[in-house]
Amino acid sequence: MVLQASGPNALGIVRSLGRAGVPVIACDHDPQALGLRSRYVRPHLTRDPLADPEGFCADLAELGATLPERGVLFCTHDEALAAIGPREEALARWFARPWSPWATLAPVLDKGAQHAAARRIGFPVPITVEPRDERDVERAAHELRFPMILKPREAPEFRRRFRAQVLECRDADELRANWELAAPYGPQISEVIPGGDECLWTLGSYRDAQGRPLASFTGRKLRQWPPRFGTARAAESRWDPDLAGRCHALLDELGFHGISQVEVKRDPRDGRDHLIEVNPRSWLWISLATACGVNIPRACWMDATGTPARWRAGHRSGLRWTLGAKHLAASVREVRRGRWDARSALASVRPPIVDGVLDPRDPVPALAQYARLARLARGRR
């Protein structure tokens, strides 16, 4: 059961499992969601877990009662985790949840708790304050260095409200104005670690209930959209065992079980990795891990169902991943405006390369995406 099957994140899970012969049901509240178009799924509509968490879980329970055997849940966004968590026992009859119990998981969804765990084990974090009122904001404006970002401790409502991961502040006036907008979401104020998008590294993994890593992948972003504070539109696999070890130590401290992404930013001044966030579920470019030999969804499914593993994970470095429809057009604009150099742009699409949506073996999601982009372009004209 792949929940919130709206984009490349879900397609990565669907294709990894479907090609291994696992029956997949893809769920979303939007009938046009890309994951519902895959040849590997049975599509199913549910209510929106952010707008109606109770109804969303009721829809899952109703579906679960019709299944011939117990299903395994895969979450692609925090909203589904937050909806299921307080109601996990009510769903346990029909579904395995291959992630930490809610009492352990709830703090992991809080960026403040993530930073506290990192500090306990000496894992570097950006200089951060958690303001309670305007006086704390004024103090941050005098004591921290600009640029700064306002980042939500718990992200779903913030992202839906602002359609952004963070709010960037280049001076004190911008900080005050953004604080006024974002205060209801209890954001942190953090200094920005220097360096480009290529300094953002990831450990993606699946850990069993005993905290043992059954599948681990490392890689880095090459470009985001929007640049600096967005989501990946190009990335590459790069095995970094030291990074994997440090990030697993943080997951140990959090007591985490399940699929996760630990994202860090490598400071070009001293080479230290600073924690950006822990996403306690799959992430946008999880399909790159599968393509380079680390099938995280399959490892998770095998563990959740007690299926003996009959494959061995490898890790191929130097494989690139893009969201072609978004990346190519954005790269051309950035090169023309002098915001990115042509050499780096060309290197980001150098073979070997996989696309997060376009796949000749499963073409309908990409056809639907390009048709939607064409309609939007016509509307803008």
Protein backbone atom coordinates (compact mmCIF):
# COMPACT_ATOMS: atom_id res chain seq x y z
CA MET A 1 0.00 0.00 0.00
CA VAL A 2 1.75 3.18 -1.21
CA LEU A 3 0.14 6.20 0.45
CA GLN A 4 -0.01 9.70 -1.07
CA ALA A 5 1.09 8.35 -4.44
CA SER A 6 1.34 11.78 -6.04
CA GLY A 7 4.79 11.86 -7.65
CA PRO A 8 8.31 10.44 -8.21
CA ASN A 9 8.67 9.36 -4.57
CA ALA A 10 5.71 6.99 -4.89
CA LEU A 11 6.67 5.86 -8.40
CA GLY A 12 10.08 4.82 -7.07
CA ILE A 13 8.44 2.52 -4.51
CA VAL A 14 5.75 1.25 -6.89
CA ARG A 15 8.22 0.28 -9.60
CA SER A 16 10.73 -1.27 -7.17
CA LEU A 17 8.06 -3.55 -5.71
CA GLY A 18 5.96 -4.14 -8.82
CA ARG A 19 8.95 -5.40 -10.79
CA ALA A 20 9.73 -7.80 -7.96
CA GLY A 21 6.25 -9.30 -8.30
CA VAL A 22 4.72 -7.66 -5.23
CA PRO A 23 1.04 -6.66 -5.69
CA VAL A 24 0.77 -2.89 -5.09
CA ILE A 25 -2.20 -0.64 -4.28
CA ALA A 26 -1.49 3.08 -4.76
CA CYS A 27 -3.63 5.50 -2.73
CA ASP A 28 -4.19 9.23 -3.12
CA HIS A 29 -6.96 11.79 -2.72
CA ASP A 30 -6.25 13.20 -6.21
CA PRO A 31 -7.51 10.95 -9.04
CA GLN A 32 -4.84 12.52 -11.32
CA ALA A 33 -1.92 11.55 -9.03
CA LEU A 34 0.99 10.14 -11.07
CA GLY A 35 1.40 7.04 -8.93
CA LEU A 36 -2.15 5.98 -9.71
CA ARG A 37 -1.25 5.85 -13.42
CA SER A 38 1.45 3.20 -13.12
CA ARG A 39 0.93 -0.17 -14.80
CA TYR A 40 2.12 -1.86 -11.60
CA VAL A 41 -0.69 -0.67 -9.31
CA ARG A 42 -4.31 -1.01 -8.47
CA PRO A 43 -5.39 2.63 -7.87
CA HIS A 44 -7.52 3.56 -4.87
CA LEU A 45 -8.86 6.95 -3.74
CA THR A 46 -8.71 8.02 -0.10
CA ARG A 47 -9.37 11.27 1.69
CA ASP A 48 -6.56 13.80 2.22
CA PRO A 49 -4.55 12.84 5.36
CA LEU A 50 -3.74 16.50 6.14
CA ALA A 51 -7.27 17.87 5.67
CA ASP A 52 -9.09 14.85 7.15
CA PRO A 53 -6.77 12.47 9.05
CA GLU A 54 -9.68 10.63 10.68
CA GLY A 55 -11.38 10.04 7.34
CA PHE A 56 -8.09 9.01 5.73
CA CYS A 57 -7.55 6.29 8.34
CA ALA A 58 -11.17 5.19 8.04
CA ASP A 59 -10.64 4.77 4.30
CA LEU A 60 -7.55 2.64 4.97
CA ALA A 61 -9.43 0.46 7.46
CA GLU A 62 -12.28 -0.05 4.99
CA LEU A 63 -9.81 -1.05 2.28
CA GLY A 64 -7.83 -3.26 4.65
CA ALA A 65 -10.94 -5.27 5.49
CA THR A 66 -11.23 -6.28 1.81
CA LEU A 67 -7.65 -7.52 1.40
CA PRO A 68 -6.95 -11.28 1.16
CA GLU A 69 -3.95 -10.87 3.48
CA ARG A 70 -2.35 -8.26 5.73
CA GLY A 71 -0.96 -5.31 3.79
CA VAL A 72 2.29 -3.39 4.26
CA LEU A 73 2.09 0.42 4.40
CA PHE A 74 4.61 2.70 2.67
CA CYS A 75 4.42 6.43 3.43
CA THR A 76 5.80 9.01 1.01
CA HIS A 77 4.98 12.17 3.04
CA ASP A 78 4.82 13.22 6.68
CA GLU A 79 1.05 13.83 6.51
CA ALA A 80 0.24 10.12 6.28
CA LEU A 81 2.62 9.29 9.15
CA ALA A 82 1.03 11.96 11.35
CA ALA A 83 -2.49 10.76 10.51
CA ILE A 84 -1.76 7.07 11.13
CA GLY A 85 0.44 7.49 14.22
CA PRO A 86 -2.22 8.24 16.87
CA ARG A 87 -4.51 5.61 15.29
CA GLU A 88 -1.92 2.92 14.61
CA GLU A 89 -3.45 0.29 16.87
CA ALA A 90 -6.81 0.58 15.11
CA LEU A 91 -5.10 -0.22 11.78
CA ALA A 92 -2.80 -2.98 13.08
CA ARG A 93 -5.39 -5.67 12.32
CA TRP A 94 -5.08 -5.08 8.58
CA PHE A 95 -1.65 -3.56 8.05
CA ALA A 96 1.99 -3.97 9.00
CA ARG A 97 3.64 -0.59 9.67
CA PRO A 98 7.39 -1.04 9.02
CA TRP A 99 8.43 2.00 11.07
CA SER A 100 8.82 3.05 14.70
CA PRO A 101 5.79 3.18 17.03
CA TRP A 102 4.16 6.60 17.33
CA ALA A 103 5.68 7.29 20.77
CA THR A 104 9.14 7.07 19.14
CA LEU A 105 8.21 8.49 15.75
CA ALA A 106 6.37 11.65 16.87
CA PRO A 107 9.54 13.33 18.22
CA VAL A 108 11.41 12.41 15.02
CA LEU A 109 8.91 14.49 13.03
CA ASP A 110 9.92 17.51 15.13
CA LYS A 111 13.04 19.30 13.80
CA GLY A 112 13.81 20.55 17.31
CA ALA A 113 13.98 16.99 18.65
CA GLN A 114 16.19 15.98 15.71
CA HIS A 115 18.65 18.77 16.51
CA ALA A 116 18.63 17.88 20.21
CA ALA A 117 19.50 14.25 19.40
CA ALA A 118 22.27 15.40 17.05
CA ARG A 119 23.79 17.65 19.71
CA ARG A 120 23.78 14.80 22.24
CA ILE A 121 26.11 12.73 20.05
CA GLY A 122 28.20 15.63 18.71
CA PHE A 123 26.64 15.63 15.22
CA PRO A 124 27.07 19.18 13.84
CA VAL A 125 23.95 21.27 13.31
CA PRO A 126 23.58 24.81 11.93
CA ILE A 127 23.42 27.53 14.59
CA THR A 128 19.72 27.53 15.40
CA VAL A 129 17.32 29.22 17.81
CA GLU A 130 13.69 28.42 18.55
CA PRO A 131 12.02 31.80 19.14
CA ARG A 132 8.97 32.10 21.37
CA ASP A 133 8.11 35.71 20.56
CA GLU A 134 9.29 38.91 18.81
CA ARG A 135 11.96 39.57 21.43
CA ASP A 136 13.66 36.27 20.60
CA VAL A 137 13.46 37.16 16.92
CA GLU A 138 15.16 40.52 17.56
CA ARG A 139 17.86 38.78 19.56
CA ALA A 140 18.46 36.33 16.70
CA ALA A 141 18.71 39.23 14.24
CA HIS A 142 21.60 40.65 16.30
CA GLU A 143 23.37 37.43 17.29
CA LEU A 144 23.17 35.23 14.15
CA ARG A 145 24.62 35.86 10.71
CA PHE A 146 22.51 36.61 7.66
CA PRO A 147 21.26 35.03 5.51
CA MET A 148 18.98 33.02 7.81
CA ILE A 149 16.04 30.74 7.19
CA LEU A 150 12.76 30.20 8.99
CA LYS A 151 12.18 26.46 8.98
CA PRO A 152 9.12 24.70 10.43
CA ARG A 153 9.64 22.20 13.22
CA GLU A 154 6.77 20.16 11.75
CA ALA A 155 6.50 20.75 8.04
CA PRO A 156 3.22 19.65 6.34
CA GLU A 157 0.98 22.65 7.16
CA PHE A 158 3.85 25.09 6.60
CA ARG A 159 4.66 23.67 3.16
CA ARG A 160 1.04 23.70 2.09
CA ARG A 161 0.60 27.29 3.30
CA PHE A 162 3.76 28.80 1.76
CA ARG A 163 4.50 26.26 -1.03
CA ALA A 164 8.14 26.34 0.11
CA GLN A 165 10.47 24.30 2.32
CA VAL A 166 11.75 27.37 4.19
CA LEU A 167 11.49 31.17 4.16
CA GLU A 168 14.83 32.85 3.49
CA CYS A 169 15.69 36.12 5.24
CA ARG A 170 18.51 38.33 3.91
CA ASP A 171 18.23 41.08 6.52
CA ALA A 172 16.47 41.99 9.78
CA ASP A 173 13.44 43.54 8.07
CA GLU A 174 12.83 40.38 6.03
CA LEU A 175 13.26 38.27 9.16
CA ARG A 176 10.61 40.27 11.02
CA ALA A 177 8.17 40.17 8.09
CA ASN A 178 8.57 36.42 7.58
CA TRP A 179 8.27 35.76 11.32
CA GLU A 180 4.89 37.49 11.31
CA LEU A 181 3.69 35.12 8.62
CA ALA A 182 5.27 31.93 9.96
CA ALA A 183 4.91 32.33 13.75
CA PRO A 184 1.77 30.10 13.97
CA TYR A 185 3.89 27.17 12.74
CA GLY A 186 6.56 27.50 15.46
CA PRO A 187 9.56 27.77 13.12
CA GLN A 188 13.23 27.60 13.96
CA ILE A 189 15.62 30.33 12.86
CA SER A 190 18.86 28.91 11.44
CA GLU A 191 22.01 30.29 9.89
CA VAL A 192 22.59 29.13 6.33
CA ILE A 193 25.56 26.81 5.79
CA PRO A 194 27.48 28.08 2.73
CA GLY A 195 27.86 26.04 -0.43
CA GLY A 196 25.73 25.13 -3.43
CA ASP A 197 23.11 22.44 -3.95
CA GLU A 198 25.87 19.89 -4.66
CA CYS A 199 26.92 20.13 -0.98
CA LEU A 200 23.67 18.45 0.13
CA TRP A 201 24.32 14.77 0.88
CA THR A 202 21.90 12.00 1.85
CA LEU A 203 21.86 8.68 3.64
CA GLY A 204 18.79 6.74 2.57
CA SER A 205 18.20 3.46 4.36
CA TYR A 206 15.88 0.84 5.76
CA ARG A 207 16.50 -0.28 9.37
CA ASP A 208 14.67 -3.18 10.99
CA ALA A 209 12.95 -3.13 14.38
CA GLN A 210 16.28 -3.87 16.10
CA GLY A 211 17.90 -0.88 14.37
CA ARG A 212 19.98 -3.00 11.98
CA PRO A 213 20.57 -1.35 8.57
CA LEU A 214 19.32 -3.81 5.94
CA ALA A 215 19.85 -1.44 3.00
CA SER A 216 21.93 1.78 2.89
CA PHE A 217 22.48 4.27 0.09
CA THR A 218 24.40 7.55 -0.03
CA GLY A 219 24.35 10.24 -2.69
CA ARG A 220 24.15 13.96 -3.20
CA LYS A 221 21.93 16.49 -4.89
CA LEU A 222 23.26 18.25 -7.96
CA ARG A 223 20.48 20.80 -8.31
CA GLN A 224 17.24 21.73 -6.57
CA TRP A 225 14.13 23.59 -7.57
CA PRO A 226 13.87 26.27 -6.44
CA PRO A 227 17.69 26.56 -6.15
CA ARG A 228 19.17 26.62 -2.62
CA PHE A 229 16.03 25.63 -0.68
CA GLY A 230 13.92 23.27 -2.72
CA THR A 231 13.52 19.65 -3.73
CA ALA A 232 15.91 17.65 -5.90
CA ARG A 233 15.62 17.86 -9.66
CA ALA A 234 19.05 16.25 -10.28
CA ALA A 235 21.13 13.98 -8.04
CA GLU A 236 23.86 11.33 -8.20
CA SER A 237 24.83 8.21 -6.30
CA ARG A 238 28.11 8.40 -4.35
CA TRP A 239 28.95 5.82 -1.71
CA ASP A 240 30.38 7.51 1.40
CA PRO A 241 30.83 4.96 4.22
CA ASP A 242 31.89 7.60 6.77
CA LEU A 243 28.73 9.60 6.13
CA ALA A 244 26.63 6.44 6.38
CA GLY A 245 28.21 5.57 9.72
CA ARG A 246 27.63 9.03 11.22
CA CYS A 247 24.04 9.17 10.02
CA HIS A 248 23.25 5.69 11.32
CA ALA A 249 24.64 6.78 14.70
CA LEU A 250 22.09 9.61 14.68
CA LEU A 251 19.29 7.18 13.79
CA ASP A 252 20.50 4.98 16.66
CA GLU A 253 20.16 7.96 19.01
CA LEU A 254 16.63 8.59 17.72
CA GLY A 255 15.77 4.89 18.13
CA PHE A 256 14.50 4.87 14.56
CA HIS A 257 13.15 1.89 12.63
CA GLY A 258 11.95 2.13 9.04
CA ILE A 259 12.77 3.87 5.75
CA SER A 260 14.38 7.28 6.18
CA GLN A 261 16.46 9.99 4.57
CA VAL A 262 19.07 11.82 6.63
CA GLU A 263 20.10 14.97 4.76
CA VAL A 264 23.23 16.96 5.63
CA LYS A 265 25.06 19.90 4.13
CA ARG A 266 28.82 19.58 3.72
CA ASP A 267 30.44 22.86 4.73
CA PRO A 268 33.08 23.77 2.10
CA ARG A 269 35.03 25.70 4.75
CA ASP A 270 35.93 22.68 6.89
CA GLY A 271 34.29 19.63 5.27
CA ARG A 272 31.98 18.96 8.24
CA ASP A 273 28.49 17.62 7.60
CA HIS A 274 25.74 19.66 9.29
CA LEU A 275 22.33 18.10 9.84
CA ILE A 276 19.59 19.57 7.67
CA GLU A 277 16.80 17.15 8.58
CA VAL A 278 15.73 13.56 9.07
CA ASN A 279 12.77 12.51 6.90
CA PRO A 280 11.36 9.39 8.61
CA ARG A 281 9.95 7.90 5.37
CA SER A 282 10.91 7.57 1.72
CA TRP A 283 12.18 10.60 -0.18
CA LEU A 284 11.79 12.10 -3.67
CA TRP A 285 14.74 10.37 -5.41
CA ILE A 286 14.54 6.94 -3.74
CA SER A 287 14.43 5.38 -7.23
CA LEU A 288 18.11 6.30 -7.66
CA ALA A 289 18.98 3.97 -4.78
CA THR A 290 17.15 1.12 -6.51
CA ALA A 291 18.82 1.89 -9.84
CA CYS A 292 22.30 1.78 -8.31
CA GLY A 293 21.67 -1.57 -6.58
CA VAL A 294 20.12 -0.70 -3.20
CA ASN A 295 16.43 -1.62 -3.38
CA ILE A 296 15.23 -0.04 -0.14
CA PRO A 297 11.47 -0.63 -0.68
CA ARG A 298 12.08 -4.32 -1.37
CA ALA A 299 14.26 -4.72 1.73
CA CYS A 300 11.49 -3.08 3.77
CA TRP A 301 8.76 -5.29 2.30
CA MET A 302 10.79 -8.47 2.83
CA ASP A 303 11.43 -7.58 6.46
CA ALA A 304 7.80 -6.62 7.11
CA THR A 305 6.46 -9.87 5.60
CA GLY A 306 9.19 -12.17 6.93
CA THR A 307 10.24 -13.05 3.37
CA PRO A 308 13.79 -14.44 3.24
CA ALA A 309 16.12 -12.13 1.32
CA ARG A 310 17.32 -13.77 -1.89
CA TRP A 311 19.31 -10.86 -3.23
CA ARG A 312 22.39 -8.95 -2.23
CA ALA A 313 22.56 -5.17 -2.29
CA GLY A 314 25.38 -3.47 -4.15
CA HIS A 315 26.05 0.23 -4.54
CA ARG A 316 27.02 1.71 -7.88
CA SER A 317 28.47 5.22 -7.69
CA GLY A 318 28.28 7.82 -10.45
CA LEU A 319 24.72 7.07 -11.58
CA ARG A 320 22.67 10.23 -12.11
CA TRP A 321 18.94 10.87 -11.57
CA THR A 322 16.81 13.73 -12.86
CA LEU A 323 13.27 14.95 -13.13
CA GLY A 324 13.74 15.57 -16.83
CA ALA A 325 10.63 17.67 -17.45
CA LYS A 326 11.57 20.08 -14.68
CA HIS A 327 15.36 19.90 -14.75
CA LEU A 328 16.06 20.57 -18.43
CA ALA A 329 13.85 23.64 -18.73
CA ALA A 330 15.07 25.07 -15.41
CA SER A 331 18.72 24.45 -16.33
CA VAL A 332 18.40 26.32 -19.63
CA ARG A 333 16.87 29.30 -17.80
CA GLU A 334 19.57 29.30 -15.14
CA VAL A 335 22.44 29.09 -17.63
CA ARG A 336 20.96 31.92 -19.71
CA ARG A 337 20.64 34.12 -16.61
CA GLY A 338 24.13 33.29 -15.34
CA ARG A 339 22.86 31.43 -12.27
CA TRP A 340 24.51 28.13 -13.23
CA ASP A 341 27.47 27.33 -15.44
CA ALA A 342 26.90 25.33 -18.62
CA ARG A 343 29.55 22.73 -17.76
CA SER A 344 27.83 21.74 -14.49
CA ALA A 345 24.44 21.72 -16.19
CA LEU A 346 25.68 19.33 -18.88
CA ALA A 347 27.43 17.12 -16.32
CA SER A 348 24.14 16.68 -14.42
CA VAL A 349 22.60 14.89 -17.43
CA ARG A 350 25.66 12.88 -18.48
CA PRO A 351 24.91 9.12 -18.81
CA PRO A 352 24.44 6.80 -17.05
CA ILE A 353 21.17 8.45 -15.99
CA VAL A 354 17.66 7.53 -14.86
CA ASP A 355 14.54 9.68 -14.79
CA GLY A 356 12.27 9.90 -11.77
CA VAL A 357 9.10 9.76 -13.88
CA LEU A 358 9.92 8.80 -17.47
CA ASP A 359 10.30 5.03 -17.89
CA PRO A 360 9.72 3.15 -21.17
CA ARG A 361 8.52 0.12 -19.20
CA ASP A 362 5.88 2.22 -17.40
CA PRO A 363 5.12 5.12 -19.77
CA VAL A 364 1.68 6.41 -18.70
CA PRO A 365 2.80 8.51 -15.66
CA ALA A 366 5.26 10.46 -17.86
CA LEU A 367 2.68 10.92 -20.62
CA ALA A 368 0.26 12.30 -18.03
CA GLN A 369 2.92 14.61 -16.61
CA TYR A 370 3.93 16.03 -19.99
CA ALA A 371 0.28 16.54 -20.97
CA ARG A 372 -0.28 18.49 -17.74
CA LEU A 373 2.83 20.62 -18.35
CA ALA A 374 1.63 21.37 -21.90
CA ARG A 375 -1.74 22.52 -20.56
CA LEU A 376 -0.04 24.78 -18.03
CA ALA A 377 2.21 26.27 -20.73
CA ARG A 378 -0.79 26.99 -22.93
CA GLY A 379 -2.56 28.62 -19.99
CA ARG A 380 0.43 30.89 -19.30
CA ARG A 381 0.59 31.97 -22.95
